[in-house]
Every structure is written in structure tokens, then in C-alpha cells.
């Protein structure tokens, strides 16, 4: 049976690996976002000479983009909560088990 120190170290190693993976994902995302911005802004001279849009077209395009962003954020939040669910469930079980054990220890036998 592993010691408390071995168990703690193993947990810390897993948490640290998760932190590193998360950091890499964020850096990759920011890099992809920056490349998209760079590509978009490099096309500004083309947009300056393009036929002007009607205000209604700008409004519809902007609102459509906003809807995409909100939908994406909703999906992201949902996936994030689903990803965290196992940790919350195990924490709830562990807390409940600890409370049960504490109650057994503190209850006088008699």
C-alpha cells in the first residue's frame, strides 16, 4: 500500500501534468488567434478599396458574428463543466466519506 507521501506526490505529478497541458493549449490557442488577426488585418488594404457595405449589412454581419461568439462560449463553458465534473464528484464523495469517518471516530462507544 502506498504511503501518504507517495500518494500525495503522485497526485501532485498528475496535477502538474494537467497544468502544463492547459498552458500549452492556451499558448496554442493564442498563437492561432494571433495568426488569424494577422491574416485579417493584412487584408485591410483590400477592404479599403472594396465596395462599401450598407449599414444593414454591417449590422447583420456583426450580429451574426456575435451570435457565433456567444454560441462558442456557451459550448466552451459546457465542455469545461463536463471536464471538471469527475473532480467535483470525487471531491463530494471524499468529503462525505471523511465526514462519515469523523462521525464514527467522534461518536463515543458505550
PDB file of N, CA and C in Angstrom:
ATOM      1  N   UNK A   1       0.848  -1.168   0.000  1.00  0.00           N
ATOM      2  CA  UNK A   1       0.000   0.000   0.000  1.00  0.00           C
ATOM      3  C   UNK A   1       0.903   1.244   0.000  1.00  0.00           C
ATOM      4  N   UNK A   2       0.612   2.204  -0.893  1.00  0.00           N
ATOM      5  CA  UNK A   2       1.471   3.384  -0.951  1.00  0.00           C
ATOM      6  C   UNK A   2       1.322   4.246   0.305  1.00  0.00           C
ATOM      7  N   UNK A   3       2.411   4.933   0.607  1.00  0.00           N
ATOM      8  CA  UNK A   3       2.379   5.824   1.766  1.00  0.00           C
ATOM      9  C   UNK A   3       1.635   7.107   1.396  1.00  0.00           C
ATOM     10  N   UNK A   4       1.315   7.897   2.417  1.00  0.00           N
ATOM     11  CA  UNK A   4       0.629   9.171   2.174  1.00  0.00           C
ATOM     12  C   UNK A   4       1.509  10.085   1.325  1.00  0.00           C
ATOM     13  N   UNK A   5       2.816  10.064   1.562  1.00  0.00           N
ATOM     14  CA  UNK A   5       3.735  10.900   0.786  1.00  0.00           C
ATOM     15  C   UNK A   5       3.761  10.466  -0.678  1.00  0.00           C
ATOM     16  N   UNK A   6       3.806   9.164  -0.925  1.00  0.00           N
ATOM     17  CA  UNK A   6       3.804   8.658  -2.301  1.00  0.00           C
ATOM     18  C   UNK A   6       2.502   9.022  -3.014  1.00  0.00           C
ATOM     19  N   UNK A   7       1.392   8.870  -2.320  1.00  0.00           N
ATOM     20  CA  UNK A   7       0.100   9.220  -2.903  1.00  0.00           C
ATOM     21  C   UNK A   7       0.035  10.708  -3.204  1.00  0.00           C
ATOM     22  N   UNK A   8       0.481  11.527  -2.254  1.00  0.00           N
ATOM     23  CA  UNK A   8       0.479  12.977  -2.451  1.00  0.00           C
ATOM     24  C   UNK A   8       1.361  13.365  -3.629  1.00  0.00           C
ATOM     25  N   UNK A   9       2.541  12.778  -3.713  1.00  0.00           N
ATOM     26  CA  UNK A   9       3.461  13.071  -4.812  1.00  0.00           C
ATOM     27  C   UNK A   9       2.856  12.665  -6.150  1.00  0.00           C
ATOM     28  N   UNK A  10       2.209  11.515  -6.203  1.00  0.00           N
ATOM     29  CA  UNK A  10       1.579  11.057  -7.443  1.00  0.00           C
ATOM     30  C   UNK A  10       0.471  12.013  -7.868  1.00  0.00           C
ATOM     31  N   UNK A  11      -0.314  12.465  -6.904  1.00  0.00           N
ATOM     32  CA  UNK A  11      -1.390  13.418  -7.211  1.00  0.00           C
ATOM     33  C   UNK A  11      -0.795  14.725  -7.720  1.00  0.00           C
ATOM     34  N   UNK A  12       0.248  15.208  -7.044  1.00  0.00           N
ATOM     35  CA  UNK A  12       0.892  16.450  -7.469  1.00  0.00           C
ATOM     36  C   UNK A  12       1.444  16.322  -8.890  1.00  0.00           C
ATOM     37  N   UNK A  13       2.042  15.180  -9.204  1.00  0.00           N
ATOM     38  CA  UNK A  13       2.573  14.965 -10.558  1.00  0.00           C
ATOM     39  C   UNK A  13       1.468  15.033 -11.605  1.00  0.00           C
ATOM     40  N   UNK A  14       0.321  14.433 -11.287  1.00  0.00           N
ATOM     41  CA  UNK A  14      -0.797  14.461 -12.233  1.00  0.00           C
ATOM     42  C   UNK A  14      -1.361  15.870 -12.380  1.00  0.00           C
ATOM     43  N   UNK A  15      -1.479  16.589 -11.271  1.00  0.00           N
ATOM     44  CA  UNK A  15      -1.977  17.967 -11.329  1.00  0.00           C
ATOM     45  C   UNK A  15      -1.021  18.820 -12.144  1.00  0.00           C
ATOM     46  N   UNK A  16       0.284  18.664 -11.910  1.00  0.00           N
ATOM     47  CA  UNK A  16       1.275  19.447 -12.646  1.00  0.00           C
ATOM     48  C   UNK A  16       1.221  19.125 -14.140  1.00  0.00           C
ATOM     49  N   UNK A  17       1.061  17.866 -14.490  1.00  0.00           N
ATOM     50  CA  UNK A  17       0.941  17.494 -15.910  1.00  0.00           C
ATOM     51  C   UNK A  17      -0.293  18.151 -16.522  1.00  0.00           C
ATOM     52  N   UNK A  18      -1.379  18.204 -15.767  1.00  0.00           N
ATOM     53  CA  UNK A  18      -2.583  18.873 -16.257  1.00  0.00           C
ATOM     54  C   UNK A  18      -2.365  20.362 -16.441  1.00  0.00           C
ATOM     55  N   UNK A  19      -1.651  20.979 -15.512  1.00  0.00           N
ATOM     56  CA  UNK A  19      -1.347  22.409 -15.633  1.00  0.00           C
ATOM     57  C   UNK A  19      -0.522  22.665 -16.881  1.00  0.00           C
ATOM     58  N   UNK A  20       0.505  21.848 -17.091  1.00  0.00           N
ATOM     59  CA  UNK A  20       1.342  22.019 -18.281  1.00  0.00           C
ATOM     60  C   UNK A  20       0.533  21.844 -19.565  1.00  0.00           C
ATOM     61  N   UNK A  21      -0.334  20.850 -19.596  1.00  0.00           N
ATOM     62  CA  UNK A  21      -1.161  20.624 -20.786  1.00  0.00           C
ATOM     63  C   UNK A  21      -2.091  21.811 -21.022  1.00  0.00           C
ATOM     64  N   UNK A  22      -2.655  22.344 -19.957  1.00  0.00           N
ATOM     65  CA  UNK A  22      -3.542  23.511 -20.081  1.00  0.00           C
ATOM     66  C   UNK A  22      -2.776  24.716 -20.592  1.00  0.00           C
ATOM     67  N   UNK A  23      -1.599  24.942 -20.055  1.00  0.00           N
ATOM     68  CA  UNK A  23      -0.786  26.074 -20.502  1.00  0.00           C
ATOM     69  C   UNK A  23      -0.448  25.952 -21.982  1.00  0.00           C
ATOM     70  N   UNK A  24      -0.094  24.741 -22.414  1.00  0.00           N
ATOM     71  CA  UNK A  24       0.231  24.537 -23.823  1.00  0.00           C
ATOM     72  C   UNK A  24      -0.989  24.812 -24.700  1.00  0.00           C
ATOM     73  N   UNK A  25      -2.160  24.350 -24.258  1.00  0.00           N
ATOM     74  CA  UNK A  25      -3.393  24.578 -25.025  1.00  0.00           C
ATOM     75  C   UNK A  25      -3.679  26.069 -25.153  1.00  0.00           C
ATOM     76  N   UNK A  26      -3.487  26.817 -24.078  1.00  0.00           N
ATOM     77  CA  UNK A  26      -3.737  28.265 -24.124  1.00  0.00           C
ATOM     78  C   UNK A  26      -2.754  28.940 -25.068  1.00  0.00           C
ATOM     79  N   UNK A  27      -1.476  28.584 -24.973  1.00  0.00           N
ATOM     80  CA  UNK A  27      -0.468  29.178 -25.856  1.00  0.00           C
ATOM     81  C   UNK A  27      -0.787  28.847 -27.314  1.00  0.00           C
ATOM     82  N   UNK A  28      -1.154  27.609 -27.594  1.00  0.00           N
ATOM     83  CA  UNK A  28      -1.516  27.224 -28.966  1.00  0.00           C
ATOM     84  C   UNK A  28      -2.716  28.017 -29.457  1.00  0.00           C
ATOM     85  N   UNK A  29      -3.711  28.207 -28.579  1.00  0.00           N
ATOM     86  CA  UNK A  29      -4.897  28.973 -28.953  1.00  0.00           C
ATOM     87  C   UNK A  29      -4.535  30.423 -29.256  1.00  0.00           C
ATOM     88  N   UNK A  30      -3.739  31.035 -28.383  1.00  0.00           N
ATOM     89  CA  UNK A  30      -3.363  32.436 -28.595  1.00  0.00           C
ATOM     90  C   UNK A  30      -2.560  32.574 -29.887  1.00  0.00           C
ATOM     91  N   UNK A  31      -1.693  31.613 -30.153  1.00  0.00           N
ATOM     92  CA  UNK A  31      -0.914  31.647 -31.396  1.00  0.00           C
ATOM     93  C   UNK A  31      -1.852  31.581 -32.616  1.00  0.00           C
ATOM     94  N   UNK A  32      -2.819  30.683 -32.580  1.00  0.00           N
ATOM     95  CA  UNK A  32      -3.773  30.562 -33.695  1.00  0.00           C
ATOM     96  C   UNK A  32      -4.597  31.837 -33.831  1.00  0.00           C
ATOM     97  N   UNK A  33      -5.019  32.411 -32.701  1.00  0.00           N
ATOM     98  CA  UNK A  33      -5.784  33.666 -32.726  1.00  0.00           C
ATOM     99  C   UNK A  33      -4.940  34.780 -33.335  1.00  0.00           C
ATOM    100  N   UNK A  34      -3.673  34.887 -32.917  1.00  0.00           N
ATOM    101  CA  UNK A  34      -2.797  35.937 -33.426  1.00  0.00           C
ATOM    102  C   UNK A  34      -2.584  35.789 -34.927  1.00  0.00           C
ATOM    103  N   UNK A  35      -2.443  34.562 -35.392  1.00  0.00           N
ATOM    104  CA  UNK A  35      -2.276  34.330 -36.833  1.00  0.00           C
ATOM    105  C   UNK A  35      -3.539  34.728 -37.589  1.00  0.00           C
ATOM    106  N   UNK A  36      -4.697  34.463 -37.018  1.00  0.00           N
ATOM    107  CA  UNK A  36      -5.957  34.858 -37.647  1.00  0.00           C
ATOM    108  C   UNK A  36      -6.068  36.372 -37.716  1.00  0.00           C
ATOM    109  N   UNK A  37      -5.725  37.051 -36.628  1.00  0.00           N
ATOM    110  CA  UNK A  37      -5.765  38.514 -36.619  1.00  0.00           C
ATOM    111  C   UNK A  37      -4.794  39.075 -37.646  1.00  0.00           C
ATOM    112  N   UNK A  38      -3.612  38.514 -37.694  1.00  0.00           N
ATOM    113  CA  UNK A  38      -2.607  38.973 -38.656  1.00  0.00           C
ATOM    114  C   UNK A  38      -3.120  38.824 -40.084  1.00  0.00           C
ATOM    115  N   UNK A  39      -3.712  37.670 -40.374  1.00  0.00           N
ATOM    116  CA  UNK A  39      -4.249  37.429 -41.720  1.00  0.00           C
ATOM    117  C   UNK A  39      -5.373  38.411 -42.035  1.00  0.00           C
ATOM    118  N   UNK A  40      -6.256  38.618 -41.079  1.00  0.00           N
ATOM    119  CA  UNK A  40      -7.393  39.523 -41.281  1.00  0.00           C
ATOM    120  C   UNK A  40      -6.926  40.949 -41.520  1.00  0.00           C
ATOM    121  N   UNK A  41      -6.034  41.436 -40.658  1.00  0.00           N
ATOM    122  CA  UNK A  41      -5.590  42.819 -40.785  1.00  0.00           C
ATOM    123  C   UNK A  41      -4.695  43.041 -41.997  1.00  0.00           C
ATOM    124  N   UNK A  42      -4.061  41.992 -42.481  1.00  0.00           N
ATOM    125  CA  UNK A  42      -3.257  42.153 -43.685  1.00  0.00           C
ATOM    126  C   UNK A  42      -4.143  42.386 -44.908  1.00  0.00           C
ATOM    127  N   UNK A  43      -5.436  42.078 -44.785  1.00  0.00           N
ATOM    128  CA  UNK A  43      -6.373  42.286 -45.886  1.00  0.00           C
ATOM    129  C   UNK A  43      -7.067  43.636 -45.822  1.00  0.00           C
ATOM    130  N   UNK A  44      -6.738  44.471 -44.842  1.00  0.00           N
ATOM    131  CA  UNK A  44      -7.381  45.781 -44.721  1.00  0.00           C
ATOM    132  C   UNK A  44      -7.225  46.652 -45.967  1.00  0.00           C
ATOM    133  N   UNK A  45      -6.046  46.681 -46.600  1.00  0.00           N
ATOM    134  CA  UNK A  45      -5.964  47.484 -47.832  1.00  0.00           C
ATOM    135  C   UNK A  45      -6.968  47.036 -48.895  1.00  0.00           C
ATOM    136  N   UNK A  46      -7.224  45.737 -48.973  1.00  0.00           N
ATOM    137  CA  UNK A  46      -8.218  45.232 -49.920  1.00  0.00           C
ATOM    138  C   UNK A  46      -9.613  45.724 -49.548  1.00  0.00           C
ATOM    139  N   UNK A  47      -9.902  45.764 -48.258  1.00  0.00           N
ATOM    140  CA  UNK A  47     -11.215  46.209 -47.809  1.00  0.00           C
ATOM    141  C   UNK A  47     -11.412  47.703 -48.052  1.00  0.00           C
ATOM    142  N   UNK A  48     -10.335  48.475 -47.982  1.00  0.00           N
ATOM    143  CA  UNK A  48     -10.438  49.926 -48.183  1.00  0.00           C
ATOM    144  C   UNK A  48     -10.862  50.259 -49.615  1.00  0.00           C
ATOM    145  N   UNK A  49     -10.502  49.432 -50.556  1.00  0.00           N
ATOM    146  CA  UNK A  49     -10.861  49.695 -51.951  1.00  0.00           C
ATOM    147  C   UNK A  49     -12.102  48.930 -52.383  1.00  0.00           C
ATOM    148  N   UNK A  50     -12.658  48.124 -51.499  1.00  0.00           N
ATOM    149  CA  UNK A  50     -13.851  47.335 -51.835  1.00  0.00           C
ATOM    150  C   UNK A  50     -15.090  48.231 -51.827  1.00  0.00           C
ATOM    151  N   UNK A  51     -16.150  47.714 -52.431  1.00  0.00           N
ATOM    152  CA  UNK A  51     -17.424  48.436 -52.451  1.00  0.00           C
ATOM    153  C   UNK A  51     -17.950  48.562 -51.023  1.00  0.00           C
ATOM    154  N   UNK A  52     -18.365  49.763 -50.606  1.00  0.00           N
ATOM    155  CA  UNK A  52     -18.831  49.940 -49.224  1.00  0.00           C
ATOM    156  C   UNK A  52     -20.089  49.117 -48.939  1.00  0.00           C
ATOM    157  N   UNK A  53     -20.191  48.674 -47.706  1.00  0.00           N
ATOM    158  CA  UNK A  53     -21.364  47.911 -47.291  1.00  0.00           C
ATOM    159  C   UNK A  53     -22.476  48.854 -46.848  1.00  0.00           C
ATOM    160  N   UNK A  54     -23.702  48.367 -46.972  1.00  0.00           N
ATOM    161  CA  UNK A  54     -24.841  49.114 -46.446  1.00  0.00           C
ATOM    162  C   UNK A  54     -24.851  48.945 -44.930  1.00  0.00           C
ATOM    163  N   UNK A  55     -25.370  49.938 -44.199  1.00  0.00           N
ATOM    164  CA  UNK A  55     -25.433  49.800 -42.738  1.00  0.00           C
ATOM    165  C   UNK A  55     -26.165  48.529 -42.291  1.00  0.00           C
ATOM    166  N   UNK A  56     -27.197  48.142 -42.994  1.00  0.00           N
ATOM    167  CA  UNK A  56     -27.927  46.924 -42.610  1.00  0.00           C
ATOM    168  C   UNK A  56     -27.044  45.683 -42.788  1.00  0.00           C
ATOM    169  N   UNK A  57     -26.178  45.692 -43.789  1.00  0.00           N
ATOM    170  CA  UNK A  57     -25.270  44.559 -43.992  1.00  0.00           C
ATOM    171  C   UNK A  57     -24.248  44.486 -42.852  1.00  0.00           C
ATOM    172  N   UNK A  58     -23.749  45.653 -42.452  1.00  0.00           N
ATOM    173  CA  UNK A  58     -22.793  45.687 -41.346  1.00  0.00           C
ATOM    174  C   UNK A  58     -23.465  45.170 -40.073  1.00  0.00           C
ATOM    175  N   UNK A  59     -24.693  45.620 -39.828  1.00  0.00           N
ATOM    176  CA  UNK A  59     -25.428  45.194 -38.639  1.00  0.00           C
ATOM    177  C   UNK A  59     -25.653  43.684 -38.649  1.00  0.00           C
ATOM    178  N   UNK A  60     -26.133  43.152 -39.759  1.00  0.00           N
ATOM    179  CA  UNK A  60     -26.404  41.716 -39.840  1.00  0.00           C
ATOM    180  C   UNK A  60     -25.122  40.894 -39.694  1.00  0.00           C
ATOM    181  N   UNK A  61     -24.066  41.347 -40.315  1.00  0.00           N
ATOM    182  CA  UNK A  61     -22.792  40.637 -40.221  1.00  0.00           C
ATOM    183  C   UNK A  61     -22.271  40.660 -38.784  1.00  0.00           C
ATOM    184  N   UNK A  62     -22.353  41.829 -38.156  1.00  0.00           N
ATOM    185  CA  UNK A  62     -21.876  41.972 -36.777  1.00  0.00           C
ATOM    186  C   UNK A  62     -22.706  41.130 -35.822  1.00  0.00           C
ATOM    187  N   UNK A  63     -24.021  41.169 -35.966  1.00  0.00           N
ATOM    188  CA  UNK A  63     -24.879  40.363 -35.097  1.00  0.00           C
ATOM    189  C   UNK A  63     -24.661  38.865 -35.330  1.00  0.00           C
ATOM    190  N   UNK A  64     -24.464  38.486 -36.571  1.00  0.00           N
ATOM    191  CA  UNK A  64     -24.177  37.079 -36.869  1.00  0.00           C
ATOM    192  C   UNK A  64     -22.892  36.626 -36.200  1.00  0.00           C
ATOM    193  N   UNK A  65     -21.882  37.488 -36.251  1.00  0.00           N
ATOM    194  CA  UNK A  65     -20.614  37.170 -35.602  1.00  0.00           C
ATOM    195  C   UNK A  65     -20.803  37.068 -34.090  1.00  0.00           C
ATOM    196  N   UNK A  66     -21.548  37.997 -33.528  1.00  0.00           N
ATOM    197  CA  UNK A  66     -21.808  37.988 -32.084  1.00  0.00           C
ATOM    198  C   UNK A  66     -22.512  36.698 -31.677  1.00  0.00           C
ATOM    199  N   UNK A  67     -23.490  36.261 -32.457  1.00  0.00           N
ATOM    200  CA  UNK A  67     -24.194  35.018 -32.160  1.00  0.00           C
ATOM    201  C   UNK A  67     -23.237  33.825 -32.193  1.00  0.00           C
ATOM    202  N   UNK A  68     -22.313  33.818 -33.152  1.00  0.00           N
ATOM    203  CA  UNK A  68     -21.325  32.736 -33.223  1.00  0.00           C
ATOM    204  C   UNK A  68     -20.434  32.732 -31.989  1.00  0.00           C
ATOM    205  N   UNK A  69     -20.010  33.914 -31.557  1.00  0.00           N
ATOM    206  CA  UNK A  69     -19.134  34.003 -30.386  1.00  0.00           C
ATOM    207  C   UNK A  69     -19.872  33.511 -29.141  1.00  0.00           C
ATOM    208  N   UNK A  70     -21.114  33.949 -28.952  1.00  0.00           N
ATOM    209  CA  UNK A  70     -21.891  33.530 -27.784  1.00  0.00           C
ATOM    210  C   UNK A  70     -22.119  32.017 -27.805  1.00  0.00           C
ATOM    211  N   UNK A  71     -22.459  31.481 -28.952  1.00  0.00           N
ATOM    212  CA  UNK A  71     -22.672  30.028 -29.065  1.00  0.00           C
ATOM    213  C   UNK A  71     -21.379  29.274 -28.760  1.00  0.00           C
ATOM    214  N   UNK A  72     -20.273  29.795 -29.242  1.00  0.00           N
ATOM    215  CA  UNK A  72     -18.983  29.165 -28.987  1.00  0.00           C
ATOM    216  C   UNK A  72     -18.646  29.207 -27.501  1.00  0.00           C
ATOM    217  N   UNK A  73     -18.907  30.342 -26.856  1.00  0.00           N
ATOM    218  CA  UNK A  73     -18.633  30.462 -25.431  1.00  0.00           C
ATOM    219  C   UNK A  73     -19.538  29.540 -24.619  1.00  0.00           C
ATOM    220  N   UNK A  74     -20.781  29.408 -25.034  1.00  0.00           N
ATOM    221  CA  UNK A  74     -21.708  28.505 -24.346  1.00  0.00           C
ATOM    222  C   UNK A  74     -21.219  27.065 -24.451  1.00  0.00           C
ATOM    223  N   UNK A  75     -20.798  26.672 -25.639  1.00  0.00           N
ATOM    224  CA  UNK A  75     -20.281  25.317 -25.851  1.00  0.00           C
ATOM    225  C   UNK A  75     -19.007  25.104 -25.034  1.00  0.00           C
ATOM    226  N   UNK A  76     -18.140  26.103 -25.027  1.00  0.00           N
ATOM    227  CA  UNK A  76     -16.900  26.018 -24.247  1.00  0.00           C
ATOM    228  C   UNK A  76     -17.209  25.846 -22.762  1.00  0.00           C
ATOM    229  N   UNK A  77     -18.098  26.656 -22.221  1.00  0.00           N
ATOM    230  CA  UNK A  77     -18.450  26.572 -20.807  1.00  0.00           C
ATOM    231  C   UNK A  77     -19.042  25.200 -20.487  1.00  0.00           C
ATOM    232  N   UNK A  78     -19.874  24.689 -21.367  1.00  0.00           N
ATOM    233  CA  UNK A  78     -20.480  23.380 -21.164  1.00  0.00           C
ATOM    234  C   UNK A  78     -19.405  22.289 -21.130  1.00  0.00           C
ATOM    235  N   UNK A  79     -18.483  22.331 -22.092  1.00  0.00           N
ATOM    236  CA  UNK A  79     -17.397  21.337 -22.126  1.00  0.00           C
ATOM    237  C   UNK A  79     -16.491  21.470 -20.906  1.00  0.00           C
ATOM    238  N   UNK A  80     -16.272  22.711 -20.468  1.00  0.00           N
ATOM    239  CA  UNK A  80     -15.425  22.948 -19.309  1.00  0.00           C
ATOM    240  C   UNK A  80     -16.050  22.344 -18.059  1.00  0.00           C
ATOM    241  N   UNK A  81     -17.353  22.568 -17.860  1.00  0.00           N
ATOM    242  CA  UNK A  81     -18.028  21.997 -16.698  1.00  0.00           C
ATOM    243  C   UNK A  81     -18.065  20.474 -16.767  1.00  0.00           C
ATOM    244  N   UNK A  82     -18.288  19.926 -17.947  1.00  0.00           N
ATOM    245  CA  UNK A  82     -18.279  18.473 -18.098  1.00  0.00           C
ATOM    246  C   UNK A  82     -16.901  17.901 -17.787  1.00  0.00           C
ATOM    247  N   UNK A  83     -15.853  18.607 -18.216  1.00  0.00           N
ATOM    248  CA  UNK A  83     -14.488  18.142 -17.953  1.00  0.00           C
ATOM    249  C   UNK A  83     -14.176  18.162 -16.465  1.00  0.00           C
ATOM    250  N   UNK A  84     -14.707  19.128 -15.752  1.00  0.00           N
ATOM    251  CA  UNK A  84     -14.437  19.259 -14.315  1.00  0.00           C
ATOM    252  C   UNK A  84     -15.329  18.371 -13.458  1.00  0.00           C
ATOM    253  N   UNK A  85     -16.391  17.850 -14.021  1.00  0.00           N
ATOM    254  CA  UNK A  85     -17.365  17.073 -13.259  1.00  0.00           C
ATOM    255  C   UNK A  85     -16.755  15.907 -12.478  1.00  0.00           C
ATOM    256  N   UNK A  86     -15.879  15.091 -13.071  1.00  0.00           N
ATOM    257  CA  UNK A  86     -15.316  13.983 -12.284  1.00  0.00           C
ATOM    258  C   UNK A  86     -14.614  14.455 -11.013  1.00  0.00           C
ATOM    259  N   UNK A  87     -13.915  15.585 -11.077  1.00  0.00           N
ATOM    260  CA  UNK A  87     -13.212  16.083  -9.893  1.00  0.00           C
ATOM    261  C   UNK A  87     -14.200  16.518  -8.818  1.00  0.00           C
ATOM    262  N   UNK A  88     -15.282  17.140  -9.230  1.00  0.00           N
ATOM    263  CA  UNK A  88     -16.260  17.584  -8.234  1.00  0.00           C
ATOM    264  C   UNK A  88     -16.979  16.391  -7.617  1.00  0.00           C
ATOM    265  N   UNK A  89     -17.233  15.373  -8.430  1.00  0.00           N
ATOM    266  CA  UNK A  89     -17.908  14.188  -7.901  1.00  0.00           C
ATOM    267  C   UNK A  89     -17.027  13.445  -6.894  1.00  0.00           C
ATOM    268  N   UNK A  90     -15.754  13.277  -7.230  1.00  0.00           N
ATOM    269  CA  UNK A  90     -14.852  12.572  -6.316  1.00  0.00           C
ATOM    270  C   UNK A  90     -14.628  13.399  -5.057  1.00  0.00           C
ATOM    271  N   UNK A  91     -14.566  14.712  -5.190  1.00  0.00           N
ATOM    272  CA  UNK A  91     -14.398  15.566  -4.009  1.00  0.00           C
ATOM    273  C   UNK A  91     -15.618  15.458  -3.094  1.00  0.00           C
ATOM    274  N   UNK A  92     -16.793  15.418  -3.695  1.00  0.00           N
ATOM    275  CA  UNK A  92     -18.019  15.279  -2.900  1.00  0.00           C
ATOM    276  C   UNK A  92     -18.037  13.937  -2.175  1.00  0.00           C
ATOM    277  N   UNK A  93     -17.678  12.875  -2.886  1.00  0.00           N
ATOM    278  CA  UNK A  93     -17.636  11.551  -2.251  1.00  0.00           C
ATOM    279  C   UNK A  93     -16.597  11.512  -1.131  1.00  0.00           C
ATOM    280  N   UNK A  94     -15.415  12.076  -1.400  1.00  0.00           N
ATOM    281  CA  UNK A  94     -14.349  12.062  -0.391  1.00  0.00           C
ATOM    282  C   UNK A  94     -14.764  12.855   0.845  1.00  0.00           C
ATOM    283  N   UNK A  95     -15.407  13.979   0.641  1.00  0.00           N
ATOM    284  CA  UNK A  95     -15.868  14.793   1.763  1.00  0.00           C
ATOM    285  C   UNK A  95     -16.909  14.036   2.576  1.00  0.00           C
ATOM    286  N   UNK A  96     -17.814  13.395   1.875  1.00  0.00           N
ATOM    287  CA  UNK A  96     -18.851  12.617   2.551  1.00  0.00           C
ATOM    288  C   UNK A  96     -18.239  11.466   3.342  1.00  0.00           C
ATOM    289  N   UNK A  97     -17.282  10.770   2.728  1.00  0.00           N
ATOM    290  CA  UNK A  97     -16.628   9.654   3.419  1.00  0.00           C
ATOM    291  C   UNK A  97     -15.845  10.148   4.631  1.00  0.00           C
ATOM    292  N   UNK A  98     -15.163  11.288   4.483  1.00  0.00           N
ATOM    293  CA  UNK A  98     -14.399  11.837   5.608  1.00  0.00           C
ATOM    294  C   UNK A  98     -15.336  12.228   6.749  1.00  0.00           C
ATOM    295  N   UNK A  99     -16.478  12.806   6.400  1.00  0.00           N
ATOM    296  CA  UNK A  99     -17.449  13.193   7.428  1.00  0.00           C
ATOM    297  C   UNK A  99     -17.985  11.953   8.145  1.00  0.00           C
ATOM    298  N   UNK A 100     -18.238  10.900   7.386  1.00  0.00           N
ATOM    299  CA  UNK A 100     -18.720   9.654   7.982  1.00  0.00           C
ATOM    300  C   UNK A 100     -17.671   9.074   8.923  1.00  0.00           C
ATOM    301  N   UNK A 101     -16.418   9.070   8.465  1.00  0.00           N
ATOM    302  CA  UNK A 101     -15.324   8.550   9.309  1.00  0.00           C
ATOM    303  C   UNK A 101     -15.160   9.398  10.566  1.00  0.00           C
ATOM    304  N   UNK A 102     -15.235  10.713  10.415  1.00  0.00           N
ATOM    305  CA  UNK A 102     -15.091  11.609  11.558  1.00  0.00           C
ATOM    306  C   UNK A 102     -16.214  11.380  12.565  1.00  0.00           C
ATOM    307  N   UNK A 103     -17.413  11.149  12.046  1.00  0.00           N
ATOM    308  CA  UNK A 103     -18.550  10.910  12.932  1.00  0.00           C
ATOM    309  C   UNK A 103     -18.351   9.614  13.703  1.00  0.00           C
ATOM    310  N   UNK A 104     -17.792   8.602  13.033  1.00  0.00           N
ATOM    311  CA  UNK A 104     -17.546   7.318  13.712  1.00  0.00           C
ATOM    312  C   UNK A 104     -16.501   7.468  14.814  1.00  0.00           C
ATOM    313  N   UNK A 105     -15.473   8.250  14.525  1.00  0.00           N
ATOM    314  CA  UNK A 105     -14.392   8.443  15.486  1.00  0.00           C
ATOM    315  C   UNK A 105     -14.850   9.264  16.680  1.00  0.00           C
ATOM    316  N   UNK A 106     -15.656  10.300  16.402  1.00  0.00           N
ATOM    317  CA  UNK A 106     -16.060  11.203  17.483  1.00  0.00           C
ATOM    318  C   UNK A 106     -17.255  10.698  18.279  1.00  0.00           C
ATOM    319  N   UNK A 107     -17.941   9.683  17.770  1.00  0.00           N
ATOM    320  CA  UNK A 107     -19.093   9.151  18.496  1.00  0.00           C
ATOM    321  C   UNK A 107     -18.590   8.226  19.598  1.00  0.00           C
ATOM    322  N   UNK A 108     -18.945   8.543  20.866  1.00  0.00           N
ATOM    323  CA  UNK A 108     -18.496   7.687  21.966  1.00  0.00           C
ATOM    324  C   UNK A 108     -19.173   6.315  21.903  1.00  0.00           C
ATOM    325  N   UNK A 109     -18.382   5.319  22.137  1.00  0.00           N
ATOM    326  CA  UNK A 109     -18.926   3.951  22.144  1.00  0.00           C
ATOM    327  C   UNK A 109     -19.380   3.640  23.578  1.00  0.00           C
ATOM    328  N   UNK A 110     -20.555   3.177  23.654  1.00  0.00           N
ATOM    329  CA  UNK A 110     -20.934   2.981  25.011  1.00  0.00           C
ATOM    330  C   UNK A 110     -22.103   2.190  25.197  1.00  0.00           C
TER     331      UNK A 110
END
